[in-house]
Amino acid sequence: MLRKKLKKYKVCFPVWYKFAQSQDDIQKLVDFFLAKYSGLALRVNEYENKIKLDKIFIPKEMRGIGIGTEIITALKEYSQRVGKPIVLNPEPEKGKKGALQRFYERNEFVNNVGRRKDYDLTDTFSRTMYYKPKKTIASSNSFENSLKSLTSAFVDAAQQIYDDWDENPDVYGGGGICHLIADSFVEIINKNYPNYTATTFTRDDIQHVETIVYNIDPDILYDEDDESNELVELVIVDLSPFIYERGGGFSWTKIPDVEFSNNDITFYKTTINRQNIDTDY
């Protein structure tokens, strides 16, 4: 069932990221998701001092594949760009209060109470939660551009792995080749830019391995005595599995006669609190 949902909806973060980065109107972003996911209910309003998430409803048959996280992350990217907080009134379905609370907390929303009380973001009749855009470190376009300069090397490495792919389950265990491609990207990055920290991580929604690169030296990043909580730039480098394999989870099969191009490599840039590295991804 999950495999069918993934094949139908194909949650892919870099798609909305490129779209969101070009928008100056929140309604265009909302319309983008409404057109992408049939049956989705989404209502967001932007005011002078805040963005209000008035409604988000995902049909049951579309849940569990990351659509909610995709939408919230897109709104956070927009919030960061325009410098306005996101406010919402969490209204869970019966028996889902705890799950909804944890979902928003994972996405960096906090309860508008106590020391975190912001009276500009309160609601007279309902409980509110909010997300405030971070104070970012100076953006380094050279970081992302340095990684993009390796695109041809990424393509060549991925193509070699694909061409050598033996679908015998004794060789790959039915798990596809995304982990091998991600590992090859890490090797290329480490060889060319040892001052960056490159590693891999697995997306739980589709059991797909991607490459993540932090704009920080490994010795500094993993210094246990350094408790600073600055924002660190990161870029996710990926080659979508739907280009070269079919399936989901741990059951992937090869799509024949695929030749990769530079346009197949995606780069998604964002930031993360340093102390959250290895916990958020």
Protein backbone atom coordinates (compact mmCIF):
# COMPACT_ATOMS: atom_id res chain seq x y z
CA MET A 1 0.00 0.00 0.00
CA LEU A 2 2.79 2.43 0.93
CA ARG A 3 4.59 1.65 -2.32
CA LYS A 4 1.48 2.54 -4.31
CA LYS A 5 1.13 5.83 -2.46
CA LEU A 6 4.76 6.74 -3.07
CA LYS A 7 4.48 5.93 -6.75
CA LYS A 8 1.34 8.04 -7.06
CA TYR A 9 2.43 11.13 -5.14
CA LYS A 10 6.25 11.10 -5.39
CA VAL A 11 7.16 13.40 -2.52
CA CYS A 12 10.28 15.24 -3.69
CA PHE A 13 11.60 18.17 -1.66
CA PRO A 14 13.88 19.78 -4.27
CA VAL A 15 10.87 20.35 -6.58
CA TRP A 16 9.00 22.66 -4.20
CA TYR A 17 12.25 24.18 -2.97
CA LYS A 18 13.14 25.57 -6.39
CA PHE A 19 9.54 26.79 -6.79
CA ALA A 20 9.34 28.36 -3.31
CA GLN A 21 12.60 30.23 -3.74
CA SER A 22 11.11 32.16 -6.69
CA GLN A 23 7.86 33.16 -4.98
CA ASP A 24 6.96 36.44 -3.29
CA ASP A 25 3.31 35.49 -2.73
CA ILE A 26 2.31 32.85 -0.17
CA GLN A 27 -0.86 32.02 -2.12
CA LYS A 28 1.19 30.84 -5.09
CA LEU A 29 2.97 28.39 -2.81
CA VAL A 30 -0.37 27.18 -1.44
CA ASP A 31 -1.76 26.77 -4.96
CA PHE A 32 1.34 24.77 -5.88
CA PHE A 33 0.59 22.15 -3.21
CA LEU A 34 -3.16 22.12 -3.87
CA ALA A 35 -2.44 21.33 -7.52
CA LYS A 36 0.17 18.72 -6.61
CA TYR A 37 -1.93 16.75 -4.10
CA SER A 38 -5.57 16.08 -4.95
CA GLY A 39 -7.81 16.11 -1.87
CA LEU A 40 -5.43 18.25 0.19
CA ALA A 41 -6.95 21.13 2.16
CA LEU A 42 -4.54 23.99 2.81
CA ARG A 43 -5.26 27.59 3.78
CA VAL A 44 -2.51 30.08 4.67
CA ASN A 45 -2.73 33.86 5.05
CA GLU A 46 0.12 36.34 5.19
CA TYR A 47 -0.17 39.49 7.29
CA GLU A 48 2.13 42.41 7.96
CA ASN A 49 3.78 40.74 10.96
CA LYS A 50 3.07 37.02 10.57
CA ILE A 51 2.02 34.07 8.42
CA LYS A 52 -1.07 32.25 9.68
CA LEU A 53 -1.51 28.58 8.89
CA ASP A 54 -5.29 28.42 9.17
CA LYS A 55 -5.87 24.89 7.91
CA ILE A 56 -4.00 21.83 6.75
CA PHE A 57 -5.78 18.53 6.17
CA ILE A 58 -4.23 15.51 4.47
CA PRO A 59 -6.57 12.66 3.46
CA LYS A 60 -5.86 9.39 5.29
CA GLU A 61 -4.78 7.57 2.14
CA MET A 62 -2.05 10.20 1.59
CA ARG A 63 -0.59 10.16 5.10
CA GLY A 64 2.66 8.60 6.18
CA ILE A 65 4.78 9.54 3.15
CA GLY A 66 6.04 12.96 4.22
CA ILE A 67 3.52 15.32 2.62
CA GLY A 68 2.88 17.20 5.88
CA THR A 69 6.59 17.65 6.49
CA GLU A 70 7.08 18.74 2.89
CA ILE A 71 4.46 21.48 3.24
CA ILE A 72 5.62 22.70 6.65
CA THR A 73 9.24 22.79 5.51
CA ALA A 74 8.27 24.82 2.45
CA LEU A 75 6.38 27.29 4.64
CA LYS A 76 9.39 27.57 6.95
CA GLU A 77 11.64 28.32 3.98
CA TYR A 78 9.21 31.05 2.91
CA SER A 79 9.04 32.34 6.49
CA GLN A 80 12.82 32.51 6.65
CA ARG A 81 13.02 34.43 3.40
CA VAL A 82 10.38 37.07 4.27
CA GLY A 83 11.34 37.29 7.95
CA LYS A 84 7.89 36.57 9.40
CA PRO A 85 6.88 33.95 12.00
CA ILE A 86 4.35 31.21 11.27
CA VAL A 87 1.42 30.92 13.69
CA LEU A 88 -1.12 28.10 13.95
CA ASN A 89 -3.85 26.76 16.21
CA PRO A 90 -3.22 23.01 16.54
CA GLU A 91 -6.58 21.25 16.18
CA PRO A 92 -5.97 17.49 16.23
CA GLU A 93 -8.41 14.80 15.24
CA LYS A 94 -9.83 12.77 18.11
CA GLY A 95 -7.08 10.77 19.79
CA LYS A 96 -4.31 12.47 17.77
CA LYS A 97 -3.37 15.36 20.09
CA GLY A 98 -0.02 13.91 21.17
CA ALA A 99 1.00 12.96 17.64
CA LEU A 100 0.14 16.39 16.28
CA GLN A 101 2.03 18.13 19.09
CA ARG A 102 5.13 16.02 18.43
CA PHE A 103 4.89 16.66 14.68
CA TYR A 104 4.96 20.44 15.12
CA GLU A 105 7.69 20.26 17.77
CA ARG A 106 9.85 18.22 15.40
CA ASN A 107 9.34 21.01 12.90
CA GLU A 108 10.56 23.63 15.42
CA PHE A 109 7.19 25.05 16.50
CA VAL A 110 6.82 25.98 20.17
CA ASN A 111 3.81 26.51 22.43
CA ASN A 112 3.00 30.20 22.88
CA VAL A 113 3.03 30.08 26.68
CA GLY A 114 5.22 30.96 29.65
CA ARG A 115 8.63 32.43 28.87
CA ARG A 116 8.01 31.91 25.18
CA LYS A 117 4.80 33.91 25.24
CA ASP A 118 4.60 36.37 22.35
CA TYR A 119 1.50 38.50 22.75
CA ASP A 120 1.66 39.62 19.12
CA LEU A 121 1.07 36.01 18.11
CA THR A 122 -1.66 35.03 20.56
CA ASP A 123 -5.23 34.08 19.79
CA THR A 124 -7.97 35.12 22.18
CA PHE A 125 -9.94 31.89 21.97
CA SER A 126 -7.44 29.19 20.93
CA ARG A 127 -4.07 27.77 21.89
CA THR A 128 -1.30 28.86 19.54
CA MET A 129 2.07 27.54 18.45
CA TYR A 130 4.61 29.46 16.41
CA TYR A 131 7.80 29.10 14.42
CA LYS A 132 10.15 32.06 14.20
CA PRO A 133 12.72 32.40 11.40
CA LYS A 134 16.30 31.98 12.54
CA LYS A 135 19.01 34.58 12.54
CA THR A 136 21.19 33.08 9.88
CA ILE A 137 24.92 33.27 9.46
CA ALA A 138 26.11 35.08 6.37
CA SER A 139 25.11 33.07 3.33
CA SER A 140 27.97 31.57 1.41
CA ASN A 141 27.01 31.10 -2.22
CA SER A 142 30.51 29.78 -2.84
CA PHE A 143 29.66 26.75 -0.65
CA GLU A 144 26.76 25.66 -2.84
CA ASN A 145 28.56 26.66 -6.04
CA SER A 146 31.59 24.59 -5.02
CA LEU A 147 29.39 21.52 -4.74
CA LYS A 148 27.65 22.30 -8.02
CA SER A 149 31.06 22.41 -9.71
CA LEU A 150 31.27 18.66 -9.00
CA THR A 151 28.04 17.86 -10.85
CA SER A 152 29.74 16.16 -13.80
CA ALA A 153 31.78 14.01 -11.42
CA PHE A 154 28.57 13.04 -9.59
CA VAL A 155 26.93 12.07 -12.89
CA ASP A 156 29.91 9.96 -13.99
CA ALA A 157 30.06 8.13 -10.67
CA ALA A 158 26.31 7.44 -10.63
CA GLN A 159 26.37 6.25 -14.23
CA GLN A 160 29.17 3.77 -13.49
CA ILE A 161 27.25 2.36 -10.52
CA TYR A 162 24.06 2.12 -12.57
CA ASP A 163 25.81 0.42 -15.50
CA ASP A 164 27.37 -2.13 -13.15
CA TRP A 165 24.09 -2.80 -11.35
CA ASP A 166 23.41 -6.51 -11.00
CA GLU A 167 19.80 -7.01 -9.94
CA ASN A 168 20.60 -10.37 -8.36
CA PRO A 169 19.13 -10.10 -4.83
CA ASP A 170 22.20 -11.85 -3.43
CA VAL A 171 24.26 -8.86 -4.58
CA TYR A 172 22.07 -5.90 -3.59
CA GLY A 173 19.46 -7.52 -1.35
CA GLY A 174 16.65 -5.86 -3.32
CA GLY A 175 17.63 -2.50 -1.83
CA GLY A 176 18.58 -0.71 -5.01
CA ILE A 177 21.72 1.37 -5.52
CA CYS A 178 20.94 4.75 -3.95
CA HIS A 179 23.26 4.00 -1.01
CA LEU A 180 26.15 3.30 -3.39
CA ILE A 181 25.48 6.51 -5.32
CA ALA A 182 25.31 8.56 -2.11
CA ASP A 183 28.56 7.00 -0.86
CA SER A 184 30.27 7.85 -4.16
CA PHE A 185 29.12 11.48 -3.84
CA VAL A 186 30.63 11.63 -0.33
CA GLU A 187 33.92 10.26 -1.64
CA ILE A 188 34.04 12.89 -4.41
CA ILE A 189 33.27 15.73 -1.98
CA ASN A 190 35.83 14.57 0.58
CA LYS A 191 38.49 14.37 -2.13
CA ASN A 192 37.82 17.85 -3.50
CA TYR A 193 36.67 19.75 -0.40
CA PRO A 194 38.02 18.13 2.78
CA ASN A 195 37.05 21.26 4.74
CA TYR A 196 33.37 20.34 4.32
CA THR A 197 31.69 17.53 6.25
CA ALA A 198 29.98 15.09 3.89
CA THR A 199 27.94 12.11 4.99
CA THR A 200 24.81 10.15 4.04
CA PHE A 201 21.39 9.79 5.61
CA THR A 202 18.31 7.71 4.94
CA ARG A 203 14.89 9.28 4.38
CA ASP A 204 12.38 7.23 6.33
CA ASP A 205 9.49 8.11 4.03
CA ILE A 206 10.82 6.20 1.01
CA GLN A 207 13.92 4.42 2.41
CA HIS A 208 16.13 6.47 0.10
CA VAL A 209 19.74 7.42 0.89
CA GLU A 210 20.88 10.97 0.12
CA THR A 211 24.12 12.90 0.59
CA ILE A 212 24.25 15.74 3.09
CA VAL A 213 27.09 18.27 3.22
CA TYR A 214 27.74 20.72 6.06
CA ASN A 215 29.71 23.93 5.54
CA ILE A 216 31.95 23.24 8.51
CA ASP A 217 35.21 21.39 9.06
CA PRO A 218 34.72 17.84 10.43
CA ASP A 219 37.12 18.48 13.33
CA ILE A 220 35.06 21.48 14.42
CA LEU A 221 31.69 19.83 13.84
CA TYR A 222 32.47 16.80 15.97
CA ASP A 223 34.33 18.62 18.74
CA GLU A 224 32.51 17.34 21.84
CA ASP A 225 33.84 20.19 23.96
CA ASP A 226 32.37 22.87 21.71
CA GLU A 227 28.77 23.56 22.76
CA SER A 228 28.07 26.49 20.43
CA ASN A 229 24.66 26.44 18.76
CA GLU A 230 25.28 28.53 15.66
CA LEU A 231 23.42 27.93 12.43
CA VAL A 232 25.32 25.81 9.94
CA GLU A 233 24.66 25.82 6.21
CA LEU A 234 24.00 22.46 4.62
CA VAL A 235 23.27 21.19 1.14
CA ILE A 236 21.49 17.96 0.30
CA VAL A 237 22.84 16.48 -2.92
CA ASP A 238 20.65 13.87 -4.55
CA LEU A 239 19.83 11.87 -7.63
CA SER A 240 16.14 10.97 -7.50
CA PRO A 241 15.63 7.18 -7.35
CA PHE A 242 12.56 7.46 -9.55
CA ILE A 243 14.86 8.19 -12.49
CA TYR A 244 16.62 4.83 -12.41
CA GLU A 245 14.63 2.39 -10.27
CA ARG A 246 11.07 1.33 -9.50
CA GLY A 247 9.58 0.23 -6.22
CA GLY A 248 9.98 1.38 -2.65
CA GLY A 249 11.30 0.40 0.77
CA PHE A 250 13.78 -2.43 0.25
CA SER A 251 12.33 -3.68 -3.04
CA TRP A 252 13.72 -1.75 -5.99
CA THR A 253 14.15 -2.90 -9.60
CA LYS A 254 16.22 -1.36 -12.34
CA ILE A 255 14.69 0.92 -14.99
CA PRO A 256 16.53 -0.08 -18.17
CA ASP A 257 18.61 2.10 -20.52
CA VAL A 258 18.99 5.16 -18.29
CA GLU A 259 21.63 7.77 -19.02
CA PHE A 260 22.09 10.47 -16.41
CA SER A 261 22.66 14.17 -17.15
CA ASN A 262 23.79 17.13 -15.06
CA ASN A 263 20.15 18.23 -14.75
CA ASP A 264 19.37 15.04 -12.78
CA ILE A 265 21.53 16.11 -9.83
CA THR A 266 19.63 18.30 -7.33
CA PHE A 267 20.97 20.62 -4.64
CA TYR A 268 18.79 21.68 -1.70
CA LYS A 269 20.36 24.34 0.55
CA THR A 270 19.15 25.21 4.05
CA THR A 271 20.48 25.73 7.60
CA ILE A 272 20.42 23.77 10.85
CA ASN A 273 21.30 24.46 14.48
CA ARG A 274 24.69 22.91 15.08
CA GLN A 275 23.57 21.05 18.20
CA ASN A 276 20.76 19.40 16.20
CA ILE A 277 23.09 17.83 13.66
CA ASP A 278 22.84 14.02 13.77
CA THR A 279 19.38 14.29 15.38
CA ASP A 280 17.34 16.09 12.72
CA TYR A 281 18.73 14.05 9.82
